[in-house]
Amino acid sequence: MRFFTAGESHGPQLTAIIEGLPAQMELTTEMINGELARRQGGHGRGRRMQIETDEVVISSGVRHGKTLGSPVTLTVVNDDWKHWTKIMGVEPLEEGMDPADVKRQITRPRPGHADLVGGMKYGHRDLRNVLERSSARETTMRVAVGAVAKKFLEEIGIRTVAHVHEIGGVKIDPSSYEGLSMEELREVIEKDPVYCADPEASIQMVQAIDDAKGRGDTIGGVVEVIIEGCPPGIGSYVQFDRKLDGKLAGAMMSINAFKGVEVGLGFEMARKPGSEVHDEIAWSEDRGYYRKSNRLGGLEGGMSTGMPIIIRGVMKPIPTLYKPLESVDIDTKEPFVATIERSDPCAVPAASVVAEHVIATALATAIMEEFRSDTMEGIKKEIEAHRRYVKEF
């Protein structure tokens, strides 16, 4: 499976094309739209979420609710496009019109964004050409693609969930949701304003977001993705680019504003002895091989162990501030205080939704590389046979 996304933040639409999905997999717009709505939610979102109501259109690759095996095209229309038709139009400028006369031209790069380096790389003197594509608006299609990937994973017995671990220094107490099933955990998260499983921490997170907004500042945090049901042996130790933890970590780091990733205990391992890091192996007739703990987050030697995969990502504070930082105009080279585009005081809850779908996409792709079949039924049989094999090994 592979996919591409296209579209600008204020362009007419966002598009994704997915190739390699097995035929006969159930897929409807409702399955995708529910996930897109979650991406737009969470306490701390800004005005753009009130302007756009993201709904997907499936325009190829699906007939009567099932995939055909041909490329699937997903489209989300930008409702705000009607206000940007002249600024972001596709047609050439009118004869004699100076590009500098186009409204909303940007020559002042914002700190923490792709503006300046992107302008250097592609030779853009109007930095809007950079920020329109580098915008986190692109994650709309990452979630849409991920919703398709999640449906595939569900069909083969793999469940995913993501939640907020930390916002602005407020951390959850893991014992608050210990023992909950994946379904119960998701139910708690979806009712929470910041997608947090710890109700006491959630109250403090909401307050931290409101305080940051009052200061004209932004805050970041940590999100966690949990995957249950992944069979052992996905990935490989034989080449660096086939390691599953590398693929998942790379997927997490590809999300806008993410600056760190860890698996299992993660960076805490640096402060512990080996006896408190590695997971002892056990076997039972009912379960086959399993680990007595899951400190390594379900991944060893670049492969899944069969234990739940636990991966976390760090999102930096959004760099667009209502108390702007200093920068330099690329035309005049004069210092200035950065311009303000639309901004959220905190997008960590929404980022948890993006993380879940990006990780689901990376895992689904890895599984399709391991088990090749042109039909959903065929790939199910291959995976079931693999599950029997590893249990009886």
Protein backbone atom coordinates (compact mmCIF):
# COMPACT_ATOMS: atom_id res chain seq x y z
CA MET A 1 0.00 0.00 0.00
CA ARG A 2 1.17 3.50 -0.76
CA PHE A 3 -0.52 6.89 -0.79
CA PHE A 4 -0.02 10.50 -1.77
CA THR A 5 -1.75 13.65 -0.56
CA ALA A 6 -2.18 16.95 -2.40
CA GLY A 7 -3.72 20.33 -1.78
CA GLU A 8 -3.09 23.66 -0.09
CA SER A 9 -4.53 25.00 3.15
CA HIS A 10 -6.67 27.63 1.38
CA GLY A 11 -6.90 25.87 -1.98
CA PRO A 12 -10.13 24.42 -3.39
CA GLN A 13 -9.70 20.94 -1.92
CA LEU A 14 -7.46 18.34 -0.33
CA THR A 15 -6.92 15.01 -2.07
CA ALA A 16 -5.41 11.62 -1.28
CA ILE A 17 -4.89 8.63 -3.55
CA ILE A 18 -4.35 5.21 -1.97
CA GLU A 19 -3.00 2.35 -4.05
CA GLY A 20 -2.60 -1.27 -3.05
CA LEU A 21 -5.65 -1.86 -0.86
CA PRO A 22 -7.01 -5.39 -1.18
CA ALA A 23 -10.31 -5.79 -2.97
CA GLN A 24 -13.57 -6.58 -1.17
CA MET A 25 -12.82 -4.52 1.95
CA GLU A 26 -15.83 -2.64 3.29
CA LEU A 27 -15.37 1.13 3.07
CA THR A 28 -17.86 4.00 3.35
CA THR A 29 -17.65 7.78 3.75
CA GLU A 30 -19.21 7.47 7.22
CA MET A 31 -16.23 5.41 8.41
CA ILE A 32 -13.90 8.25 7.44
CA ASN A 33 -16.02 11.27 8.38
CA GLY A 34 -16.29 10.22 12.01
CA GLU A 35 -12.50 10.29 12.32
CA LEU A 36 -12.24 13.64 10.52
CA ALA A 37 -14.68 15.13 13.03
CA ARG A 38 -12.49 13.94 15.89
CA ARG A 39 -9.46 15.66 14.33
CA GLN A 40 -11.33 18.95 14.42
CA GLY A 41 -12.32 18.55 18.07
CA GLY A 42 -10.61 18.92 21.42
CA HIS A 43 -10.36 21.91 23.76
CA GLY A 44 -7.97 24.54 22.43
CA ARG A 45 -8.86 24.52 18.74
CA GLY A 46 -9.08 27.86 16.91
CA ARG A 47 -11.38 29.59 14.42
CA ARG A 48 -10.43 27.46 11.39
CA MET A 49 -12.26 24.50 12.93
CA GLN A 50 -15.44 26.62 12.99
CA ILE A 51 -15.03 27.57 9.33
CA GLU A 52 -14.40 24.06 7.94
CA THR A 53 -16.61 21.00 8.37
CA ASP A 54 -14.51 18.25 6.86
CA GLU A 55 -16.42 15.58 4.97
CA VAL A 56 -14.82 13.18 2.52
CA VAL A 57 -15.93 12.23 -0.98
CA ILE A 58 -14.80 8.84 -2.33
CA SER A 59 -14.48 9.28 -6.09
CA SER A 60 -12.74 6.07 -7.19
CA GLY A 61 -11.80 2.58 -6.12
CA VAL A 62 -15.00 1.76 -4.22
CA ARG A 63 -18.25 0.32 -5.54
CA HIS A 64 -21.32 -0.43 -3.46
CA GLY A 65 -19.40 -0.04 -0.22
CA LYS A 66 -16.44 -2.29 -1.05
CA THR A 67 -12.97 -1.64 -2.45
CA LEU A 68 -12.25 -2.78 -6.01
CA GLY A 69 -8.48 -3.23 -5.75
CA SER A 70 -7.95 -0.14 -7.90
CA PRO A 71 -6.70 3.22 -6.50
CA VAL A 72 -9.03 4.85 -3.98
CA THR A 73 -9.37 8.64 -4.28
CA LEU A 74 -10.46 10.69 -1.26
CA THR A 75 -11.35 14.38 -1.46
CA VAL A 76 -12.19 16.99 1.18
CA VAL A 77 -13.44 20.36 -0.06
CA ASN A 78 -12.16 23.49 1.69
CA ASP A 79 -15.26 25.51 2.58
CA ASP A 80 -13.11 28.64 3.03
CA TRP A 81 -11.94 28.49 -0.62
CA LYS A 82 -14.65 30.97 -1.70
CA HIS A 83 -12.76 33.72 0.15
CA TRP A 84 -9.40 32.81 -1.42
CA THR A 85 -10.20 32.29 -5.12
CA LYS A 86 -8.22 35.34 -6.30
CA ILE A 87 -5.38 34.88 -3.83
CA MET A 88 -4.90 31.14 -4.45
CA GLY A 89 -6.30 30.84 -7.98
CA VAL A 90 -4.74 28.41 -10.47
CA GLU A 91 -4.98 30.64 -13.56
CA PRO A 92 -2.07 32.99 -14.51
CA LEU A 93 -2.17 36.58 -13.28
CA GLU A 94 -3.88 39.09 -15.54
CA GLU A 95 -1.60 40.69 -18.11
CA GLY A 96 0.46 43.50 -16.65
CA MET A 97 -0.34 42.57 -13.06
CA ASP A 98 2.61 42.64 -10.66
CA PRO A 99 2.85 39.49 -8.46
CA ALA A 100 3.63 41.85 -5.57
CA ASP A 101 0.09 43.24 -5.88
CA VAL A 102 -1.49 39.91 -4.92
CA LYS A 103 -3.24 40.27 -1.58
CA ARG A 104 -1.87 38.53 1.49
CA GLN A 105 1.60 38.12 0.04
CA ILE A 106 4.08 37.11 2.73
CA THR A 107 7.74 38.19 2.82
CA ARG A 108 8.10 37.91 6.58
CA PRO A 109 8.92 34.33 7.71
CA ARG A 110 7.46 33.17 11.02
CA PRO A 111 9.84 31.55 13.52
CA GLY A 112 9.21 27.83 13.99
CA HIS A 113 7.51 27.39 10.62
CA ALA A 114 8.71 26.12 7.22
CA ASP A 115 8.41 29.63 5.73
CA LEU A 116 12.04 30.74 5.44
CA VAL A 117 13.74 27.44 4.62
CA GLY A 118 10.95 26.46 2.22
CA GLY A 119 11.31 29.76 0.42
CA MET A 120 15.05 29.21 0.11
CA LYS A 121 14.60 25.65 -1.17
CA TYR A 122 11.98 26.37 -3.85
CA GLY A 123 12.91 29.96 -4.69
CA HIS A 124 9.64 31.52 -3.51
CA ARG A 125 9.71 35.23 -2.75
CA ASP A 126 6.08 35.04 -1.62
CA LEU A 127 6.26 32.71 1.37
CA ARG A 128 2.55 31.95 1.15
CA ASN A 129 3.60 29.42 -1.49
CA VAL A 130 5.34 27.55 1.34
CA LEU A 131 2.97 27.90 4.26
CA GLU A 132 -0.09 26.84 2.26
CA ARG A 133 1.32 23.33 1.83
CA SER A 134 3.39 23.08 5.01
CA SER A 135 0.26 23.88 7.05
CA ALA A 136 -1.10 21.23 9.41
CA ARG A 137 -4.25 21.36 7.28
CA GLU A 138 -2.57 18.53 5.33
CA THR A 139 -3.16 16.22 8.30
CA THR A 140 -6.82 16.14 7.26
CA MET A 141 -5.87 13.70 4.52
CA ARG A 142 -3.47 11.80 6.75
CA VAL A 143 -6.45 11.09 9.00
CA ALA A 144 -8.64 10.17 6.03
CA VAL A 145 -6.04 7.69 4.77
CA GLY A 146 -5.54 6.43 8.32
CA ALA A 147 -9.26 5.79 8.70
CA VAL A 148 -9.02 3.45 5.71
CA ALA A 149 -5.94 1.79 7.24
CA LYS A 150 -7.73 1.38 10.58
CA LYS A 151 -10.61 -0.38 8.81
CA PHE A 152 -8.12 -2.78 7.24
CA LEU A 153 -6.49 -3.45 10.63
CA GLU A 154 -9.85 -4.06 12.29
CA GLU A 155 -10.68 -6.63 9.61
CA ILE A 156 -7.59 -8.64 10.65
CA GLY A 157 -8.14 -8.30 14.40
CA ILE A 158 -5.92 -5.30 15.23
CA ARG A 159 -7.27 -2.39 17.29
CA THR A 160 -5.75 1.06 17.77
CA VAL A 161 -6.44 3.91 20.18
CA ALA A 162 -4.64 7.16 20.99
CA HIS A 163 -4.90 9.51 23.95
CA VAL A 164 -3.25 12.57 25.43
CA HIS A 165 -0.48 11.80 27.91
CA GLU A 166 0.65 15.31 28.78
CA ILE A 167 -0.20 18.95 28.04
CA GLY A 168 1.82 21.92 29.19
CA GLY A 169 3.57 19.95 31.93
CA VAL A 170 0.37 18.34 33.26
CA LYS A 171 0.84 14.55 33.11
CA ILE A 172 -1.67 11.75 33.44
CA ASP A 173 -1.62 9.08 36.13
CA PRO A 174 -1.46 5.78 34.19
CA SER A 175 -3.20 3.97 37.05
CA SER A 176 -6.35 6.02 36.32
CA TYR A 177 -7.10 3.88 33.26
CA GLU A 178 -5.23 0.69 34.15
CA GLY A 179 -7.28 -2.41 33.40
CA LEU A 180 -9.57 -0.74 30.85
CA SER A 181 -10.10 -2.56 27.58
CA MET A 182 -9.36 -0.77 24.30
CA GLU A 183 -13.08 -0.16 23.79
CA GLU A 184 -13.54 1.20 27.32
CA LEU A 185 -10.48 3.42 26.97
CA ARG A 186 -11.75 4.85 23.70
CA GLU A 187 -15.17 5.53 25.24
CA VAL A 188 -13.56 7.53 28.07
CA ILE A 189 -11.30 9.47 25.72
CA GLU A 190 -14.00 10.44 23.24
CA LYS A 191 -16.11 11.98 26.01
CA ASP A 192 -13.20 14.02 27.38
CA PRO A 193 -12.54 17.62 26.18
CA VAL A 194 -8.81 16.98 25.71
CA TYR A 195 -8.99 13.25 24.81
CA CYS A 196 -7.39 12.33 28.15
CA ALA A 197 -8.15 9.14 30.10
CA ASP A 198 -7.36 10.69 33.50
CA PRO A 199 -10.29 12.94 34.57
CA GLU A 200 -8.28 14.86 37.18
CA ALA A 201 -5.42 15.56 34.78
CA SER A 202 -7.96 16.57 32.13
CA ILE A 203 -9.31 19.39 34.30
CA GLN A 204 -5.79 20.70 34.85
CA MET A 205 -4.99 20.41 31.11
CA VAL A 206 -8.07 22.45 30.16
CA GLN A 207 -6.99 25.12 32.65
CA ALA A 208 -3.44 25.11 31.28
CA ILE A 209 -4.78 25.66 27.75
CA ASP A 210 -7.02 28.51 28.89
CA ASP A 211 -4.15 30.11 30.80
CA ALA A 212 -1.89 29.91 27.72
CA LYS A 213 -4.60 31.50 25.57
CA GLY A 214 -4.97 34.31 28.10
CA ARG A 215 -1.23 34.98 27.90
CA GLY A 216 -1.25 34.97 24.09
CA ASP A 217 0.94 31.87 24.23
CA THR A 218 0.77 28.22 23.12
CA ILE A 219 1.58 24.88 24.78
CA GLY A 220 2.51 21.43 23.54
CA GLY A 221 2.37 17.93 24.96
CA VAL A 222 2.72 14.19 24.52
CA VAL A 223 0.32 11.74 22.85
CA GLU A 224 0.32 7.95 23.09
CA VAL A 225 -0.83 5.38 20.53
CA ILE A 226 -1.69 1.84 21.67
CA ILE A 227 -2.08 -1.07 19.24
CA GLU A 228 -3.43 -4.46 20.29
CA GLY A 229 -3.63 -7.63 18.23
CA CYS A 230 -0.58 -7.19 16.02
CA PRO A 231 0.91 -10.66 15.44
CA PRO A 232 4.59 -11.34 16.23
CA GLY A 233 7.15 -10.95 13.48
CA ILE A 234 5.91 -7.88 11.60
CA GLY A 235 9.02 -5.99 10.47
CA SER A 236 12.52 -7.48 10.26
CA TYR A 237 15.96 -7.36 11.82
CA VAL A 238 17.85 -8.09 8.58
CA GLN A 239 17.92 -4.54 7.12
CA PHE A 240 17.62 -1.13 8.76
CA ASP A 241 14.79 0.03 6.50
CA ARG A 242 12.62 -3.00 7.29
CA LYS A 243 12.56 -2.46 11.07
CA LEU A 244 9.01 -1.83 12.27
CA ASP A 245 9.99 0.47 15.13
CA GLY A 246 11.90 2.62 12.62
CA LYS A 247 8.87 2.81 10.34
CA LEU A 248 6.51 3.73 13.17
CA ALA A 249 8.91 6.29 14.62
CA GLY A 250 9.39 7.84 11.19
CA ALA A 251 5.62 8.04 10.72
CA MET A 252 5.20 9.77 14.08
CA MET A 253 7.94 12.29 13.30
CA SER A 254 6.32 13.09 9.95
CA ILE A 255 3.41 14.81 11.71
CA ASN A 256 3.54 18.60 11.74
CA ALA A 257 5.16 20.03 14.91
CA PHE A 258 6.25 16.62 16.28
CA LYS A 259 9.79 16.74 17.64
CA GLY A 260 10.27 13.52 19.61
CA VAL A 261 9.19 9.88 19.70
CA GLU A 262 9.64 6.98 22.13
CA VAL A 263 8.59 3.34 22.33
CA GLY A 264 7.61 1.59 25.56
CA LEU A 265 9.51 3.09 28.48
CA GLY A 266 11.35 5.23 25.94
CA PHE A 267 13.79 7.76 27.38
CA GLU A 268 13.12 6.48 30.88
CA MET A 269 15.27 3.46 29.94
CA ALA A 270 18.34 5.69 30.15
CA ARG A 271 17.76 5.97 33.90
CA LYS A 272 17.08 2.30 34.65
CA PRO A 273 19.21 -0.86 34.86
CA GLY A 274 18.68 -3.60 32.31
CA SER A 275 16.84 -5.76 34.85
CA GLU A 276 14.11 -3.10 34.94
CA VAL A 277 13.93 -2.60 31.18
CA HIS A 278 13.79 -5.94 29.37
CA ASP A 279 10.71 -8.17 29.26
CA GLU A 280 10.90 -11.79 30.42
CA ILE A 281 9.51 -14.40 28.03
CA ALA A 282 6.84 -16.93 29.03
CA TRP A 283 4.71 -19.54 27.28
CA SER A 284 1.28 -21.04 27.84
CA GLU A 285 -0.82 -23.41 25.78
CA ASP A 286 -3.57 -20.83 25.58
CA ARG A 287 -1.46 -17.78 24.61
CA GLY A 288 1.66 -19.26 23.11
CA TYR A 289 4.72 -17.06 23.70
CA TYR A 290 4.21 -13.78 25.56
CA ARG A 291 6.11 -11.30 27.72
CA LYS A 292 5.58 -10.97 31.47
CA SER A 293 5.86 -7.18 31.09
CA ASN A 294 5.77 -4.76 28.19
CA ARG A 295 8.50 -2.23 28.93
CA LEU A 296 9.82 -2.40 25.36
CA GLY A 297 6.44 -1.45 23.98
CA GLY A 298 5.75 -4.56 21.92
CA LEU A 299 8.84 -4.21 19.70
CA GLU A 300 12.14 -6.13 19.82
CA GLY A 301 14.84 -6.33 17.16
CA GLY A 302 12.80 -4.21 14.77
CA MET A 303 9.84 -6.61 14.95
CA SER A 304 6.49 -6.83 16.72
CA THR A 305 6.46 -9.26 19.66
CA GLY A 306 2.72 -9.82 19.82
CA MET A 307 2.42 -7.64 22.92
CA PRO A 308 0.61 -4.27 22.66
CA ILE A 309 2.63 -1.72 20.70
CA ILE A 310 3.07 1.47 22.73
CA ILE A 311 4.48 4.54 20.98
CA ARG A 312 4.45 8.18 22.08
CA GLY A 313 5.12 11.43 20.25
CA VAL A 314 6.03 14.91 21.48
CA MET A 315 4.27 17.88 19.90
CA LYS A 316 5.96 21.24 20.32
CA PRO A 317 3.86 24.33 21.11
CA ILE A 318 2.34 25.80 17.95
CA PRO A 319 4.78 28.52 16.79
CA THR A 320 2.12 31.02 15.69
CA LEU A 321 1.77 33.23 18.75
CA TYR A 322 -0.52 36.14 19.58
CA LYS A 323 2.57 37.64 21.21
CA PRO A 324 4.74 37.21 18.09
CA LEU A 325 8.46 36.49 18.01
CA GLU A 326 11.01 38.49 16.04
CA SER A 327 12.12 37.67 12.50
CA VAL A 328 13.60 39.34 9.37
CA ASP A 329 11.83 40.49 6.19
CA ILE A 330 13.34 38.63 3.21
CA ASP A 331 12.96 41.67 0.91
CA THR A 332 14.17 44.52 3.13
CA LYS A 333 16.27 42.40 5.56
CA GLU A 334 14.81 44.57 8.31
CA PRO A 335 13.82 42.99 11.64
CA PHE A 336 10.09 42.83 12.45
CA VAL A 337 7.62 41.18 14.78
CA ALA A 338 6.12 38.10 13.09
CA THR A 339 2.67 38.28 11.50
CA ILE A 340 -0.18 36.31 13.00
CA GLU A 341 -2.06 33.67 11.04
CA ARG A 342 -4.92 31.72 12.61
CA SER A 343 -3.65 29.88 15.66
CA ASP A 344 -4.76 27.43 18.33
CA PRO A 345 -3.40 27.79 21.87
CA CYS A 346 -3.08 23.99 21.89
CA ALA A 347 -3.66 21.32 19.25
CA VAL A 348 -2.38 18.32 21.23
CA PRO A 349 -5.82 16.62 21.51
CA ALA A 350 -6.26 16.84 17.72
CA ALA A 351 -2.66 15.68 17.28
CA SER A 352 -3.47 12.49 19.18
CA VAL A 353 -6.09 11.70 16.52
CA VAL A 354 -3.58 12.41 13.75
CA ALA A 355 -0.97 10.23 15.49
CA GLU A 356 -3.34 7.27 15.76
CA HIS A 357 -4.13 7.40 12.05
CA VAL A 358 -0.57 7.99 10.89
CA ILE A 359 0.66 5.03 12.97
CA ALA A 360 -2.23 2.87 11.74
CA THR A 361 -1.26 3.69 8.16
CA ALA A 362 2.40 2.77 8.75
CA LEU A 363 1.44 -0.52 10.42
CA ALA A 364 -1.10 -1.44 7.73
CA THR A 365 1.52 -0.77 5.05
CA ALA A 366 4.07 -2.97 6.85
CA ILE A 367 1.54 -5.81 7.17
CA MET A 368 0.62 -5.62 3.49
CA GLU A 369 4.31 -5.93 2.67
CA GLU A 370 4.49 -9.14 4.72
CA PHE A 371 1.25 -10.72 3.55
CA ARG A 372 0.51 -10.20 -0.10
CA SER A 373 -2.96 -10.85 -1.47
CA ASP A 374 -5.25 -9.08 -3.89
CA THR A 375 -8.37 -9.79 -1.81
CA MET A 376 -9.36 -9.11 1.78
CA GLU A 377 -10.34 -12.74 2.25
CA GLY A 378 -6.97 -13.90 0.96
CA ILE A 379 -4.95 -11.68 3.27
CA LYS A 380 -7.11 -12.72 6.24
CA LYS A 381 -6.30 -16.38 5.56
CA GLU A 382 -2.57 -15.64 5.33
CA ILE A 383 -2.55 -13.77 8.63
CA GLU A 384 -4.63 -16.41 10.39
CA ALA A 385 -2.16 -19.06 9.21
CA HIS A 386 0.72 -16.94 10.51
CA ARG A 387 -0.97 -16.53 13.90
CA ARG A 388 -1.33 -20.33 14.17
CA TYR A 389 2.31 -20.83 13.18
CA VAL A 390 3.79 -18.44 15.77
CA LYS A 391 1.56 -19.84 18.52
CA GLU A 392 2.71 -23.41 17.81
CA PHE A 393 6.39 -22.51 17.20
